[in-house]
Amino acid sequence: MKAVIIGGGSLDADFSLSYVKQEKPDMLIAVDRGLSFCHEAGLRPDVILGDFDSVDPAILEGYRQEGIVPIDTYDSHKDYTDMELGMRKALELGCSQAILLGATGTRLDHTLTNIQCLPILEDAGVAAWIVDKHNRIRLLSGKTVIRRSRQFGKYVSFLPFGGDVEGVTLKGFAYPLENFYLPYVNSRSVSNEIEEEEAEVSFTRGRLLMIESRD
């Protein structure tokens, strides 16, 4: 089951609506201000959750009065961000894939936290992507093949996640690597490009954050 989780970060309205329609999710989870986007875009969420400190109160009240869509309300003095709660809700509901929109933006603390929370989904066997108009981000735990025809943008970067990464091999890229030790502090693996119809990344130890980007 594929879930789209829409948070309260920066959302390009046209891109985000088009992406939701393209992905055809089985479940739409609106997180706090993400509910305002859903309302304005004509998207009906299956679940609404958050502390609701940033959503239009009139929109939220409309859903409360209707009484059809489940609403999970949290105190603002909580231990988790709304987006993390959205990820955990997707797990609870049995999703196998998750796409996070509105997970990036001007608040870099929230952007980085959302990236750091990706293991919540990946460790549970749920393929998860953070997507905005310019980037698609995924945490890799093993060998991954990227088809050139389906890549997101021109550039592909690989960043060590949580520590050094050993045995990094990149095939089909403009800048290949073979059994390379990639230290946690480095810029060696930024802004690569796919040259062949299929490119492959593999490594023997650690985790990589894959960021596909376009200007």
C-alpha atoms as a PDB file:
ATOM      1  CA  MET A   1       0.000   0.000   0.000  1.00  0.00           C
ATOM      2  CA  LYS A   2       1.366   3.387  -1.019  1.00  0.00           C
ATOM      3  CA  ALA A   3       0.924   6.371   1.277  1.00  0.00           C
ATOM      4  CA  VAL A   4       1.517  10.036   0.549  1.00  0.00           C
ATOM      5  CA  ILE A   5       2.174  12.114   3.645  1.00  0.00           C
ATOM      6  CA  ILE A   6       1.721  15.850   3.159  1.00  0.00           C
ATOM      7  CA  GLY A   7       3.378  18.028   5.762  1.00  0.00           C
ATOM      8  CA  GLY A   8       3.568  21.705   6.546  1.00  0.00           C
ATOM      9  CA  GLY A   9       6.845  22.583   4.830  1.00  0.00           C
ATOM     10  CA  SER A  10       7.257  24.396   1.540  1.00  0.00           C
ATOM     11  CA  LEU A  11       4.909  23.061  -1.118  1.00  0.00           C
ATOM     12  CA  ASP A  12       4.880  24.096  -4.740  1.00  0.00           C
ATOM     13  CA  ALA A  13       1.157  23.743  -5.356  1.00  0.00           C
ATOM     14  CA  ASP A  14       1.260  22.751  -9.034  1.00  0.00           C
ATOM     15  CA  PHE A  15       4.132  20.307  -8.622  1.00  0.00           C
ATOM     16  CA  SER A  16       2.736  18.719  -5.459  1.00  0.00           C
ATOM     17  CA  LEU A  17      -0.750  18.222  -6.866  1.00  0.00           C
ATOM     18  CA  SER A  18       0.657  16.773 -10.086  1.00  0.00           C
ATOM     19  CA  TYR A  19       2.908  14.425  -8.116  1.00  0.00           C
ATOM     20  CA  VAL A  20       0.058  13.117  -5.984  1.00  0.00           C
ATOM     21  CA  LYS A  21      -2.032  12.456  -9.088  1.00  0.00           C
ATOM     22  CA  GLN A  22       0.915  10.744 -10.769  1.00  0.00           C
ATOM     23  CA  GLU A  23       1.602   8.458  -7.813  1.00  0.00           C
ATOM     24  CA  LYS A  24      -2.060   7.509  -7.249  1.00  0.00           C
ATOM     25  CA  PRO A  25      -1.630   6.728  -3.521  1.00  0.00           C
ATOM     26  CA  ASP A  26      -3.848   4.288  -1.672  1.00  0.00           C
ATOM     27  CA  MET A  27      -3.765   6.569   1.360  1.00  0.00           C
ATOM     28  CA  LEU A  28      -3.336  10.302   1.856  1.00  0.00           C
ATOM     29  CA  ILE A  29      -2.208  11.521   5.272  1.00  0.00           C
ATOM     30  CA  ALA A  30      -2.529  15.261   5.938  1.00  0.00           C
ATOM     31  CA  VAL A  31      -0.160  16.525   8.625  1.00  0.00           C
ATOM     32  CA  ASP A  32      -1.071  19.852  10.247  1.00  0.00           C
ATOM     33  CA  ARG A  33      -0.680  22.649   7.653  1.00  0.00           C
ATOM     34  CA  GLY A  34      -0.606  19.985   4.968  1.00  0.00           C
ATOM     35  CA  LEU A  35      -4.367  19.857   5.481  1.00  0.00           C
ATOM     36  CA  SER A  36      -4.666  23.419   4.181  1.00  0.00           C
ATOM     37  CA  PHE A  37      -2.873  22.385   0.991  1.00  0.00           C
ATOM     38  CA  CYS A  38      -5.155  19.357   0.567  1.00  0.00           C
ATOM     39  CA  HIS A  39      -8.232  21.537   1.032  1.00  0.00           C
ATOM     40  CA  GLU A  40      -7.074  24.132  -1.486  1.00  0.00           C
ATOM     41  CA  ALA A  41      -5.971  21.485  -4.005  1.00  0.00           C
ATOM     42  CA  GLY A  42      -9.211  19.506  -3.767  1.00  0.00           C
ATOM     43  CA  LEU A  43      -7.515  16.444  -2.265  1.00  0.00           C
ATOM     44  CA  ARG A  44      -9.452  14.520   0.369  1.00  0.00           C
ATOM     45  CA  PRO A  45      -7.201  13.011   3.057  1.00  0.00           C
ATOM     46  CA  ASP A  46      -7.836   9.610   4.592  1.00  0.00           C
ATOM     47  CA  VAL A  47      -6.254  10.632   7.902  1.00  0.00           C
ATOM     48  CA  ILE A  48      -5.589  14.026   9.494  1.00  0.00           C
ATOM     49  CA  LEU A  49      -3.121  14.465  12.345  1.00  0.00           C
ATOM     50  CA  GLY A  50      -0.988  16.997  14.169  1.00  0.00           C
ATOM     51  CA  ASP A  51      -1.032  19.565  16.936  1.00  0.00           C
ATOM     52  CA  PHE A  52      -2.709  21.932  14.445  1.00  0.00           C
ATOM     53  CA  ASP A  53      -0.728  25.008  15.387  1.00  0.00           C
ATOM     54  CA  SER A  54      -0.296  26.024  11.745  1.00  0.00           C
ATOM     55  CA  VAL A  55      -3.428  24.855   9.904  1.00  0.00           C
ATOM     56  CA  ASP A  56      -6.348  27.176   9.160  1.00  0.00           C
ATOM     57  CA  PRO A  57      -8.727  26.513  12.107  1.00  0.00           C
ATOM     58  CA  ALA A  58     -11.788  26.936   9.868  1.00  0.00           C
ATOM     59  CA  ILE A  59     -10.607  24.167   7.535  1.00  0.00           C
ATOM     60  CA  LEU A  60      -9.921  21.816  10.437  1.00  0.00           C
ATOM     61  CA  GLU A  61     -13.285  22.606  12.019  1.00  0.00           C
ATOM     62  CA  GLY A  62     -15.025  21.766   8.757  1.00  0.00           C
ATOM     63  CA  TYR A  63     -13.573  18.253   8.859  1.00  0.00           C
ATOM     64  CA  ARG A  64     -14.461  17.930  12.541  1.00  0.00           C
ATOM     65  CA  GLN A  65     -18.056  18.880  11.853  1.00  0.00           C
ATOM     66  CA  GLU A  66     -18.253  16.457   8.942  1.00  0.00           C
ATOM     67  CA  GLY A  67     -17.016  13.645  11.182  1.00  0.00           C
ATOM     68  CA  ILE A  68     -15.911  11.304   8.402  1.00  0.00           C
ATOM     69  CA  VAL A  69     -12.120  11.574   8.198  1.00  0.00           C
ATOM     70  CA  PRO A  70     -10.268  10.360  11.334  1.00  0.00           C
ATOM     71  CA  ILE A  71      -8.487  13.203  13.134  1.00  0.00           C
ATOM     72  CA  ASP A  72      -5.625  12.504  15.557  1.00  0.00           C
ATOM     73  CA  THR A  73      -4.946  15.543  17.737  1.00  0.00           C
ATOM     74  CA  TYR A  74      -1.722  15.945  19.697  1.00  0.00           C
ATOM     75  CA  ASP A  75      -0.662  18.435  22.326  1.00  0.00           C
ATOM     76  CA  SER A  76       1.796  21.030  21.040  1.00  0.00           C
ATOM     77  CA  HIS A  77       4.145  20.129  23.921  1.00  0.00           C
ATOM     78  CA  LYS A  78       5.008  16.727  22.494  1.00  0.00           C
ATOM     79  CA  ASP A  79       8.183  14.711  21.972  1.00  0.00           C
ATOM     80  CA  TYR A  80       7.819  14.226  18.207  1.00  0.00           C
ATOM     81  CA  THR A  81       7.352  16.463  15.198  1.00  0.00           C
ATOM     82  CA  ASP A  82       4.094  16.248  13.294  1.00  0.00           C
ATOM     83  CA  MET A  83       5.884  14.715  10.294  1.00  0.00           C
ATOM     84  CA  GLU A  84       7.401  11.967  12.429  1.00  0.00           C
ATOM     85  CA  LEU A  85       3.921  11.222  13.746  1.00  0.00           C
ATOM     86  CA  GLY A  86       2.756  11.041  10.136  1.00  0.00           C
ATOM     87  CA  MET A  87       5.469   8.496   9.328  1.00  0.00           C
ATOM     88  CA  ARG A  88       4.525   6.376  12.321  1.00  0.00           C
ATOM     89  CA  LYS A  89       0.856   6.571  11.373  1.00  0.00           C
ATOM     90  CA  ALA A  90       1.679   5.309   7.879  1.00  0.00           C
ATOM     91  CA  LEU A  91       3.485   2.355   9.465  1.00  0.00           C
ATOM     92  CA  GLU A  92       0.596   1.689  11.818  1.00  0.00           C
ATOM     93  CA  LEU A  93      -1.784   1.574   8.862  1.00  0.00           C
ATOM     94  CA  GLY A  94       0.361  -0.945   7.005  1.00  0.00           C
ATOM     95  CA  CYS A  95       1.882   1.041   4.154  1.00  0.00           C
ATOM     96  CA  SER A  96       4.672  -0.527   2.090  1.00  0.00           C
ATOM     97  CA  GLN A  97       5.731   2.686   0.339  1.00  0.00           C
ATOM     98  CA  ALA A  98       5.679   6.272   1.582  1.00  0.00           C
ATOM     99  CA  ILE A  99       6.191   9.575  -0.208  1.00  0.00           C
ATOM    100  CA  LEU A 100       6.707  12.672   1.922  1.00  0.00           C
ATOM    101  CA  LEU A 101       5.699  16.029   0.472  1.00  0.00           C
ATOM    102  CA  GLY A 102       6.038  19.271   2.421  1.00  0.00           C
ATOM    103  CA  ALA A 103       8.959  17.762   4.333  1.00  0.00           C
ATOM    104  CA  THR A 104      11.503  20.364   3.184  1.00  0.00           C
ATOM    105  CA  GLY A 105      11.503  24.147   3.247  1.00  0.00           C
ATOM    106  CA  THR A 106      12.814  27.253   4.950  1.00  0.00           C
ATOM    107  CA  ARG A 107      13.039  25.599   8.368  1.00  0.00           C
ATOM    108  CA  LEU A 108      16.304  23.688   8.009  1.00  0.00           C
ATOM    109  CA  ASP A 109      15.867  22.147  11.452  1.00  0.00           C
ATOM    110  CA  HIS A 110      12.652  20.482  10.270  1.00  0.00           C
ATOM    111  CA  THR A 111      14.150  19.517   6.906  1.00  0.00           C
ATOM    112  CA  LEU A 112      17.140  17.810   8.531  1.00  0.00           C
ATOM    113  CA  THR A 113      14.963  16.158  11.156  1.00  0.00           C
ATOM    114  CA  ASN A 114      12.673  14.727   8.491  1.00  0.00           C
ATOM    115  CA  ILE A 115      15.689  13.301   6.666  1.00  0.00           C
ATOM    116  CA  GLN A 116      17.057  11.855   9.916  1.00  0.00           C
ATOM    117  CA  CYS A 117      13.699  10.201  10.560  1.00  0.00           C
ATOM    118  CA  LEU A 118      13.716   8.251   7.294  1.00  0.00           C
ATOM    119  CA  PRO A 119      15.052   5.131   9.089  1.00  0.00           C
ATOM    120  CA  ILE A 120      11.699   4.929  10.909  1.00  0.00           C
ATOM    121  CA  LEU A 121      10.235   3.801   7.604  1.00  0.00           C
ATOM    122  CA  GLU A 122      13.227   2.157   5.924  1.00  0.00           C
ATOM    123  CA  ASP A 123      14.064  -0.001   8.955  1.00  0.00           C
ATOM    124  CA  ALA A 124      10.501  -1.305   8.873  1.00  0.00           C
ATOM    125  CA  GLY A 125      10.887  -2.341   5.235  1.00  0.00           C
ATOM    126  CA  VAL A 126       8.967   0.634   3.853  1.00  0.00           C
ATOM    127  CA  ALA A 127      10.491   2.310   0.800  1.00  0.00           C
ATOM    128  CA  ALA A 128      10.357   6.043   1.523  1.00  0.00           C
ATOM    129  CA  TRP A 129      11.118   9.196  -0.442  1.00  0.00           C
ATOM    130  CA  ILE A 130      11.161  12.866   0.500  1.00  0.00           C
ATOM    131  CA  VAL A 131      10.174  14.814  -2.593  1.00  0.00           C
ATOM    132  CA  ASP A 132       9.943  18.470  -3.511  1.00  0.00           C
ATOM    133  CA  LYS A 133      10.057  20.350  -6.805  1.00  0.00           C
ATOM    134  CA  HIS A 134      13.842  20.135  -6.996  1.00  0.00           C
ATOM    135  CA  ASN A 135      14.843  17.016  -5.054  1.00  0.00           C
ATOM    136  CA  ARG A 136      14.000  13.390  -4.413  1.00  0.00           C
ATOM    137  CA  ILE A 137      15.697  11.892  -1.368  1.00  0.00           C
ATOM    138  CA  ARG A 138      15.971   8.277  -0.280  1.00  0.00           C
ATOM    139  CA  LEU A 139      17.975   6.402   2.332  1.00  0.00           C
ATOM    140  CA  LEU A 140      19.791   3.391   0.868  1.00  0.00           C
ATOM    141  CA  SER A 141      20.784   0.321   2.848  1.00  0.00           C
ATOM    142  CA  GLY A 142      22.031  -1.816  -0.049  1.00  0.00           C
ATOM    143  CA  LYS A 143      22.555  -2.120  -3.793  1.00  0.00           C
ATOM    144  CA  THR A 144      20.273   0.077  -5.875  1.00  0.00           C
ATOM    145  CA  VAL A 145      19.749   0.371  -9.619  1.00  0.00           C
ATOM    146  CA  ILE A 146      18.699   3.707 -11.121  1.00  0.00           C
ATOM    147  CA  ARG A 147      17.222   3.775 -14.604  1.00  0.00           C
ATOM    148  CA  ARG A 148      18.154   6.881 -16.517  1.00  0.00           C
ATOM    149  CA  SER A 149      14.653   7.161 -17.959  1.00  0.00           C
ATOM    150  CA  ARG A 150      13.154   7.360 -14.453  1.00  0.00           C
ATOM    151  CA  GLN A 151      15.685   9.515 -12.657  1.00  0.00           C
ATOM    152  CA  PHE A 152      14.576  12.714 -10.965  1.00  0.00           C
ATOM    153  CA  GLY A 153      16.619  15.542 -12.423  1.00  0.00           C
ATOM    154  CA  LYS A 154      20.146  15.648 -13.783  1.00  0.00           C
ATOM    155  CA  TYR A 155      22.262  15.195 -10.670  1.00  0.00           C
ATOM    156  CA  VAL A 156      22.669  12.302  -8.241  1.00  0.00           C
ATOM    157  CA  SER A 157      24.539  12.719  -4.968  1.00  0.00           C
ATOM    158  CA  PHE A 158      25.409  10.103  -2.367  1.00  0.00           C
ATOM    159  CA  LEU A 159      26.015  11.267   1.203  1.00  0.00           C
ATOM    160  CA  PRO A 160      27.135   9.035   4.083  1.00  0.00           C
ATOM    161  CA  PHE A 161      24.333   8.723   6.618  1.00  0.00           C
ATOM    162  CA  GLY A 162      25.281   8.365  10.269  1.00  0.00           C
ATOM    163  CA  GLY A 163      28.916   7.417   9.687  1.00  0.00           C
ATOM    164  CA  ASP A 164      31.522   6.309   7.175  1.00  0.00           C
ATOM    165  CA  VAL A 165      30.487   4.042   4.305  1.00  0.00           C
ATOM    166  CA  GLU A 166      32.741   1.257   3.055  1.00  0.00           C
ATOM    167  CA  GLY A 167      33.107  -0.431  -0.309  1.00  0.00           C
ATOM    168  CA  VAL A 168      31.208   2.180  -2.332  1.00  0.00           C
ATOM    169  CA  THR A 169      30.973   1.201  -5.992  1.00  0.00           C
ATOM    170  CA  LEU A 170      29.294   3.375  -8.602  1.00  0.00           C
ATOM    171  CA  LYS A 171      28.723   1.997 -12.089  1.00  0.00           C
ATOM    172  CA  GLY A 172      27.178   3.789 -15.061  1.00  0.00           C
ATOM    173  CA  PHE A 173      27.982   7.240 -13.671  1.00  0.00           C
ATOM    174  CA  ALA A 174      30.125  10.041 -15.064  1.00  0.00           C
ATOM    175  CA  TYR A 175      32.324   9.678 -11.978  1.00  0.00           C
ATOM    176  CA  PRO A 176      32.564   5.972 -11.137  1.00  0.00           C
ATOM    177  CA  LEU A 177      33.955   4.528  -7.926  1.00  0.00           C
ATOM    178  CA  GLU A 178      35.239   1.060  -7.120  1.00  0.00           C
ATOM    179  CA  ASN A 179      35.287  -0.295  -3.558  1.00  0.00           C
ATOM    180  CA  PHE A 180      35.801   3.236  -2.214  1.00  0.00           C
ATOM    181  CA  TYR A 181      35.926   4.205   1.459  1.00  0.00           C
ATOM    182  CA  LEU A 182      33.607   7.197   1.780  1.00  0.00           C
ATOM    183  CA  PRO A 183      34.200   9.115   5.030  1.00  0.00           C
ATOM    184  CA  TYR A 184      31.326  10.802   6.814  1.00  0.00           C
ATOM    185  CA  VAL A 185      32.891  14.249   6.343  1.00  0.00           C
ATOM    186  CA  ASN A 186      33.486  14.702   2.617  1.00  0.00           C
ATOM    187  CA  SER A 187      32.134  16.180  -0.614  1.00  0.00           C
ATOM    188  CA  ARG A 188      33.540  13.535  -2.966  1.00  0.00           C
ATOM    189  CA  SER A 189      30.214  12.034  -3.982  1.00  0.00           C
ATOM    190  CA  VAL A 190      28.164  15.164  -4.716  1.00  0.00           C
ATOM    191  CA  SER A 191      26.662  16.087  -8.120  1.00  0.00           C
ATOM    192  CA  ASN A 192      27.340  12.919 -10.075  1.00  0.00           C
ATOM    193  CA  GLU A 193      25.495  12.197 -13.317  1.00  0.00           C
ATOM    194  CA  ILE A 194      24.123   9.036 -14.906  1.00  0.00           C
ATOM    195  CA  GLU A 195      25.758   8.233 -18.256  1.00  0.00           C
ATOM    196  CA  GLU A 196      24.375   4.792 -19.111  1.00  0.00           C
ATOM    197  CA  GLU A 197      20.804   3.552 -19.387  1.00  0.00           C
ATOM    198  CA  GLU A 198      21.162   1.970 -15.971  1.00  0.00           C
ATOM    199  CA  ALA A 199      23.415   3.026 -13.135  1.00  0.00           C
ATOM    200  CA  GLU A 200      24.177   1.045 -10.005  1.00  0.00           C
ATOM    201  CA  VAL A 201      25.319   1.948  -6.516  1.00  0.00           C
ATOM    202  CA  SER A 202      26.452  -0.630  -3.985  1.00  0.00           C
ATOM    203  CA  PHE A 203      28.417  -0.651  -0.733  1.00  0.00           C
ATOM    204  CA  THR A 204      29.505  -3.182   1.852  1.00  0.00           C
ATOM    205  CA  ARG A 205      28.935  -1.311   5.098  1.00  0.00           C
ATOM    206  CA  GLY A 206      26.992   1.730   6.255  1.00  0.00           C
ATOM    207  CA  ARG A 207      24.187   3.737   4.697  1.00  0.00           C
ATOM    208  CA  LEU A 208      23.937   6.256   1.913  1.00  0.00           C
ATOM    209  CA  LEU A 209      21.539   9.104   1.420  1.00  0.00           C
ATOM    210  CA  MET A 210      20.731   9.377  -2.276  1.00  0.00           C
ATOM    211  CA  ILE A 211      19.655  12.841  -3.442  1.00  0.00           C
ATOM    212  CA  GLU A 212      18.464  13.266  -7.030  1.00  0.00           C
ATOM    213  CA  SER A 213      18.352  16.954  -7.869  1.00  0.00           C
ATOM    214  CA  ARG A 214      17.425  19.401 -10.597  1.00  0.00           C
ATOM    215  CA  ASP A 215      17.897  23.163 -10.752  1.00  0.00           C
END
